[in-house]
Protein backbone atom coordinates (compact mmCIF):
# COMPACT_ATOMS: atom_id res chain seq x y z
CA UNK A 1 -0.05 -0.29 -0.36
CA UNK A 2 1.58 3.36 -1.08
CA UNK A 3 1.69 6.61 0.69
CA UNK A 4 -0.03 8.47 -2.44
CA UNK A 5 -3.04 5.82 -2.65
CA UNK A 6 -3.84 4.75 0.75
CA UNK A 7 -7.12 3.28 -0.59
CA UNK A 8 -5.30 0.92 -2.75
CA UNK A 9 -4.88 -2.43 -0.21
CA UNK A 10 -8.68 -1.74 0.61
CA UNK A 11 -9.43 -2.08 -3.02
CA UNK A 12 -7.30 -5.22 -3.70
CA UNK A 13 -8.79 -6.89 -0.85
CA UNK A 14 -12.47 -5.95 -2.10
CA UNK A 15 -11.52 -7.07 -5.22
CA UNK A 16 -10.77 -10.20 -4.27
CA UNK A 17 -13.85 -11.00 -2.03
CA UNK A 18 -15.94 -9.99 -5.20
CA UNK A 19 -14.24 -12.73 -6.99
CA UNK A 20 -15.20 -14.94 -4.36
CA UNK A 21 -18.97 -14.28 -5.02
CA UNK A 22 -21.60 -15.83 -7.43
CA UNK A 23 -21.51 -14.40 -10.96
CA UNK A 24 -25.69 -13.31 -10.05
CA UNK A 25 -24.25 -11.78 -6.57
CA UNK A 26 -21.50 -9.74 -8.30
CA UNK A 27 -23.86 -8.33 -10.79
CA UNK A 28 -26.34 -7.44 -7.53
CA UNK A 29 -23.16 -5.47 -6.08
CA UNK A 30 -22.30 -3.96 -9.63
CA UNK A 31 -26.31 -2.72 -9.55
CA UNK A 32 -26.06 -1.21 -6.32
CA UNK A 33 -22.60 0.50 -7.48
CA UNK A 34 -24.19 1.95 -10.33
CA UNK A 35 -27.45 3.07 -8.74
CA UNK A 36 -24.97 5.08 -6.42
CA UNK A 37 -22.48 6.44 -9.35
CA UNK A 38 -25.69 7.65 -10.87
CA UNK A 39 -27.35 9.10 -8.03
CA UNK A 40 -23.61 10.87 -7.23
CA UNK A 41 -23.46 12.16 -11.12
CA UNK A 42 -26.63 13.35 -11.09
CA UNK A 43 -26.15 15.64 -8.25
CA UNK A 44 -23.47 17.45 -9.61
CA UNK A 45 -25.22 17.48 -12.74
CA UNK A 46 -27.81 19.27 -10.78
CA UNK A 47 -25.43 21.65 -9.68
CA UNK A 48 -23.81 22.35 -12.54
CA UNK A 49 -20.68 21.09 -11.29
CA UNK A 50 -18.37 18.86 -13.39
CA UNK A 51 -17.09 15.68 -11.83
CA UNK A 52 -13.22 17.39 -11.02
CA UNK A 53 -15.27 20.10 -9.30
CA UNK A 54 -15.42 22.74 -11.73
CA UNK A 55 -17.99 25.03 -12.62
CA UNK A 56 -19.48 24.20 -15.76
CA UNK A 57 -19.45 26.83 -18.37
CA UNK A 58 -22.58 29.21 -17.83
CA UNK A 59 -25.15 29.06 -21.16
CA UNK A 60 -25.85 31.70 -22.88
CA UNK A 61 -28.87 34.71 -23.08
CA UNK A 62 -31.81 33.19 -25.17
CA UNK A 63 -33.28 35.63 -27.10
CA UNK A 64 -36.56 35.30 -29.11
CA UNK A 65 -37.09 36.38 -32.94
CA UNK A 66 -36.98 40.31 -32.22
CA UNK A 67 -33.57 39.82 -30.92
CA UNK A 68 -34.59 40.62 -27.52
CA UNK A 69 -33.37 38.74 -24.31
CA UNK A 70 -36.07 35.85 -23.57
CA UNK A 71 -34.20 34.12 -20.87
CA UNK A 72 -30.85 35.30 -19.23
CA UNK A 73 -27.68 33.83 -18.91
CA UNK A 74 -26.79 31.48 -16.19
CA UNK A 75 -28.98 29.27 -14.48
CA UNK A 76 -29.66 26.02 -14.38
CA UNK A 77 -28.87 23.52 -16.95
CA UNK A 78 -30.09 20.34 -18.28
CA UNK A 79 -33.32 19.81 -16.38
CA UNK A 80 -34.05 16.44 -17.74
CA UNK A 81 -30.33 14.80 -17.46
CA UNK A 82 -31.30 15.26 -13.90
CA UNK A 83 -34.19 12.68 -13.85
CA UNK A 84 -32.64 9.34 -13.41
CA UNK A 85 -35.39 7.56 -15.82
CA UNK A 86 -33.05 9.39 -17.96
CA UNK A 87 -29.98 6.80 -17.50
CA UNK A 88 -29.65 3.42 -17.69
CA UNK A 89 -27.50 0.84 -15.74
CA UNK A 90 -26.08 -1.86 -17.14
CA UNK A 91 -24.92 -4.22 -14.60
CA UNK A 92 -22.61 -7.35 -15.57
CA UNK A 93 -21.04 -9.53 -13.40
CA UNK A 94 -17.68 -8.20 -14.37
CA UNK A 95 -18.84 -4.12 -14.45
CA UNK A 96 -21.05 -1.76 -14.59
CA UNK A 97 -22.29 1.18 -17.05
CA UNK A 98 -24.06 4.34 -16.46
CA UNK A 99 -25.19 6.18 -19.51
CA UNK A 100 -28.25 8.16 -21.04
CA UNK A 101 -30.27 6.78 -23.16
CA UNK A 102 -33.16 8.21 -25.40
CA UNK A 103 -32.92 12.45 -26.32
CA UNK A 104 -31.11 12.45 -23.21
CA UNK A 105 -28.06 10.55 -24.47
CA UNK A 106 -28.31 13.70 -27.68
CA UNK A 107 -28.22 16.19 -25.34
CA UNK A 108 -25.50 14.69 -22.79
CA UNK A 109 -23.02 14.26 -26.10
CA UNK A 110 -23.15 17.14 -27.79
CA UNK A 111 -22.53 19.17 -24.24
CA UNK A 112 -20.23 16.38 -23.02
CA UNK A 113 -17.91 16.31 -26.13
CA UNK A 114 -18.68 19.94 -26.87
CA UNK A 115 -20.28 19.29 -30.49
CA UNK A 116 -22.42 21.18 -32.79
CA UNK A 117 -26.24 21.11 -32.33
CA UNK A 118 -29.63 22.48 -33.34
CA UNK A 119 -30.93 25.18 -31.35
CA UNK A 120 -33.98 26.35 -33.38
CA UNK A 121 -34.85 28.50 -36.14
CA UNK A 122 -34.21 31.74 -37.47
CA UNK A 123 -36.43 34.38 -38.38
CA UNK A 124 -36.64 33.48 -41.90
CA UNK A 125 -36.46 29.76 -41.41
CA UNK A 126 -33.55 28.85 -41.54
CA UNK A 127 -32.26 25.87 -38.70
CA UNK A 128 -29.86 27.25 -36.59
CA UNK A 129 -26.79 25.33 -35.02
CA UNK A 130 -24.33 26.39 -32.50
CA UNK A 131 -20.91 24.65 -31.40
CA UNK A 132 -21.88 24.02 -27.14
CA UNK A 133 -18.83 24.38 -25.15
CA UNK A 134 -17.72 21.33 -23.59
CA UNK A 135 -19.28 20.57 -20.31
CA UNK A 136 -18.16 17.20 -18.14
CA UNK A 137 -21.30 15.43 -17.76
CA UNK A 138 -20.35 11.90 -16.35
CA UNK A 139 -17.52 11.07 -14.40
CA UNK A 140 -15.56 9.18 -11.72
CA UNK A 141 -13.82 11.11 -8.80
CA UNK A 142 -12.05 10.68 -5.62
CA UNK A 143 -15.41 11.07 -3.43
CA UNK A 144 -16.88 8.63 -5.87
CA UNK A 145 -14.29 6.03 -5.17
CA UNK A 146 -15.09 6.08 -1.38
CA UNK A 147 -18.58 5.42 -2.22
CA UNK A 148 -18.04 2.56 -4.51
CA UNK A 149 -16.21 1.10 -1.75
CA UNK A 150 -18.84 2.05 0.77
CA UNK A 151 -21.29 0.54 -1.15
CA UNK A 152 -19.19 -2.78 -1.71
CA UNK A 153 -18.84 -2.93 2.31
CA UNK A 154 -22.43 -2.70 3.34
CA UNK A 155 -22.84 -5.70 0.51
CA UNK A 156 -20.32 -7.59 2.54
CA UNK A 157 -21.15 -6.52 5.56
CA UNK A 158 -25.50 -6.23 6.11
């Protein structure tokens, strides 16, 4: 166990314990871990905070067709992405995946990677696209690592 990573020994021990479980028990453990990770990521998205702890770039002011400000800049983003029903947890005996689904997946992808997306139509009817700033939505930080260890420890010692 190194001084730079005091949890390394505990993680190795938990990994060995998990290998002793049946595949069905490991899948249940992966589902619990996925639920905890989804919860922590959704809380970060609701606070407009990236996984590293930095604030996300604020949203731009929204203008109506006459050019007046319809909605001020800033404010909460990702109303639908904050809902657990828009994320699927895929648990397997060897791992877990938490990913957005449906229309939320398209929005999440555009913002997470800073891609170009459709924002509406101009007064003359042309489609308007914009390049979104990169806002990391999903991620894994030190607090999440501790959450995973806590969830697995609870499964071992009920």
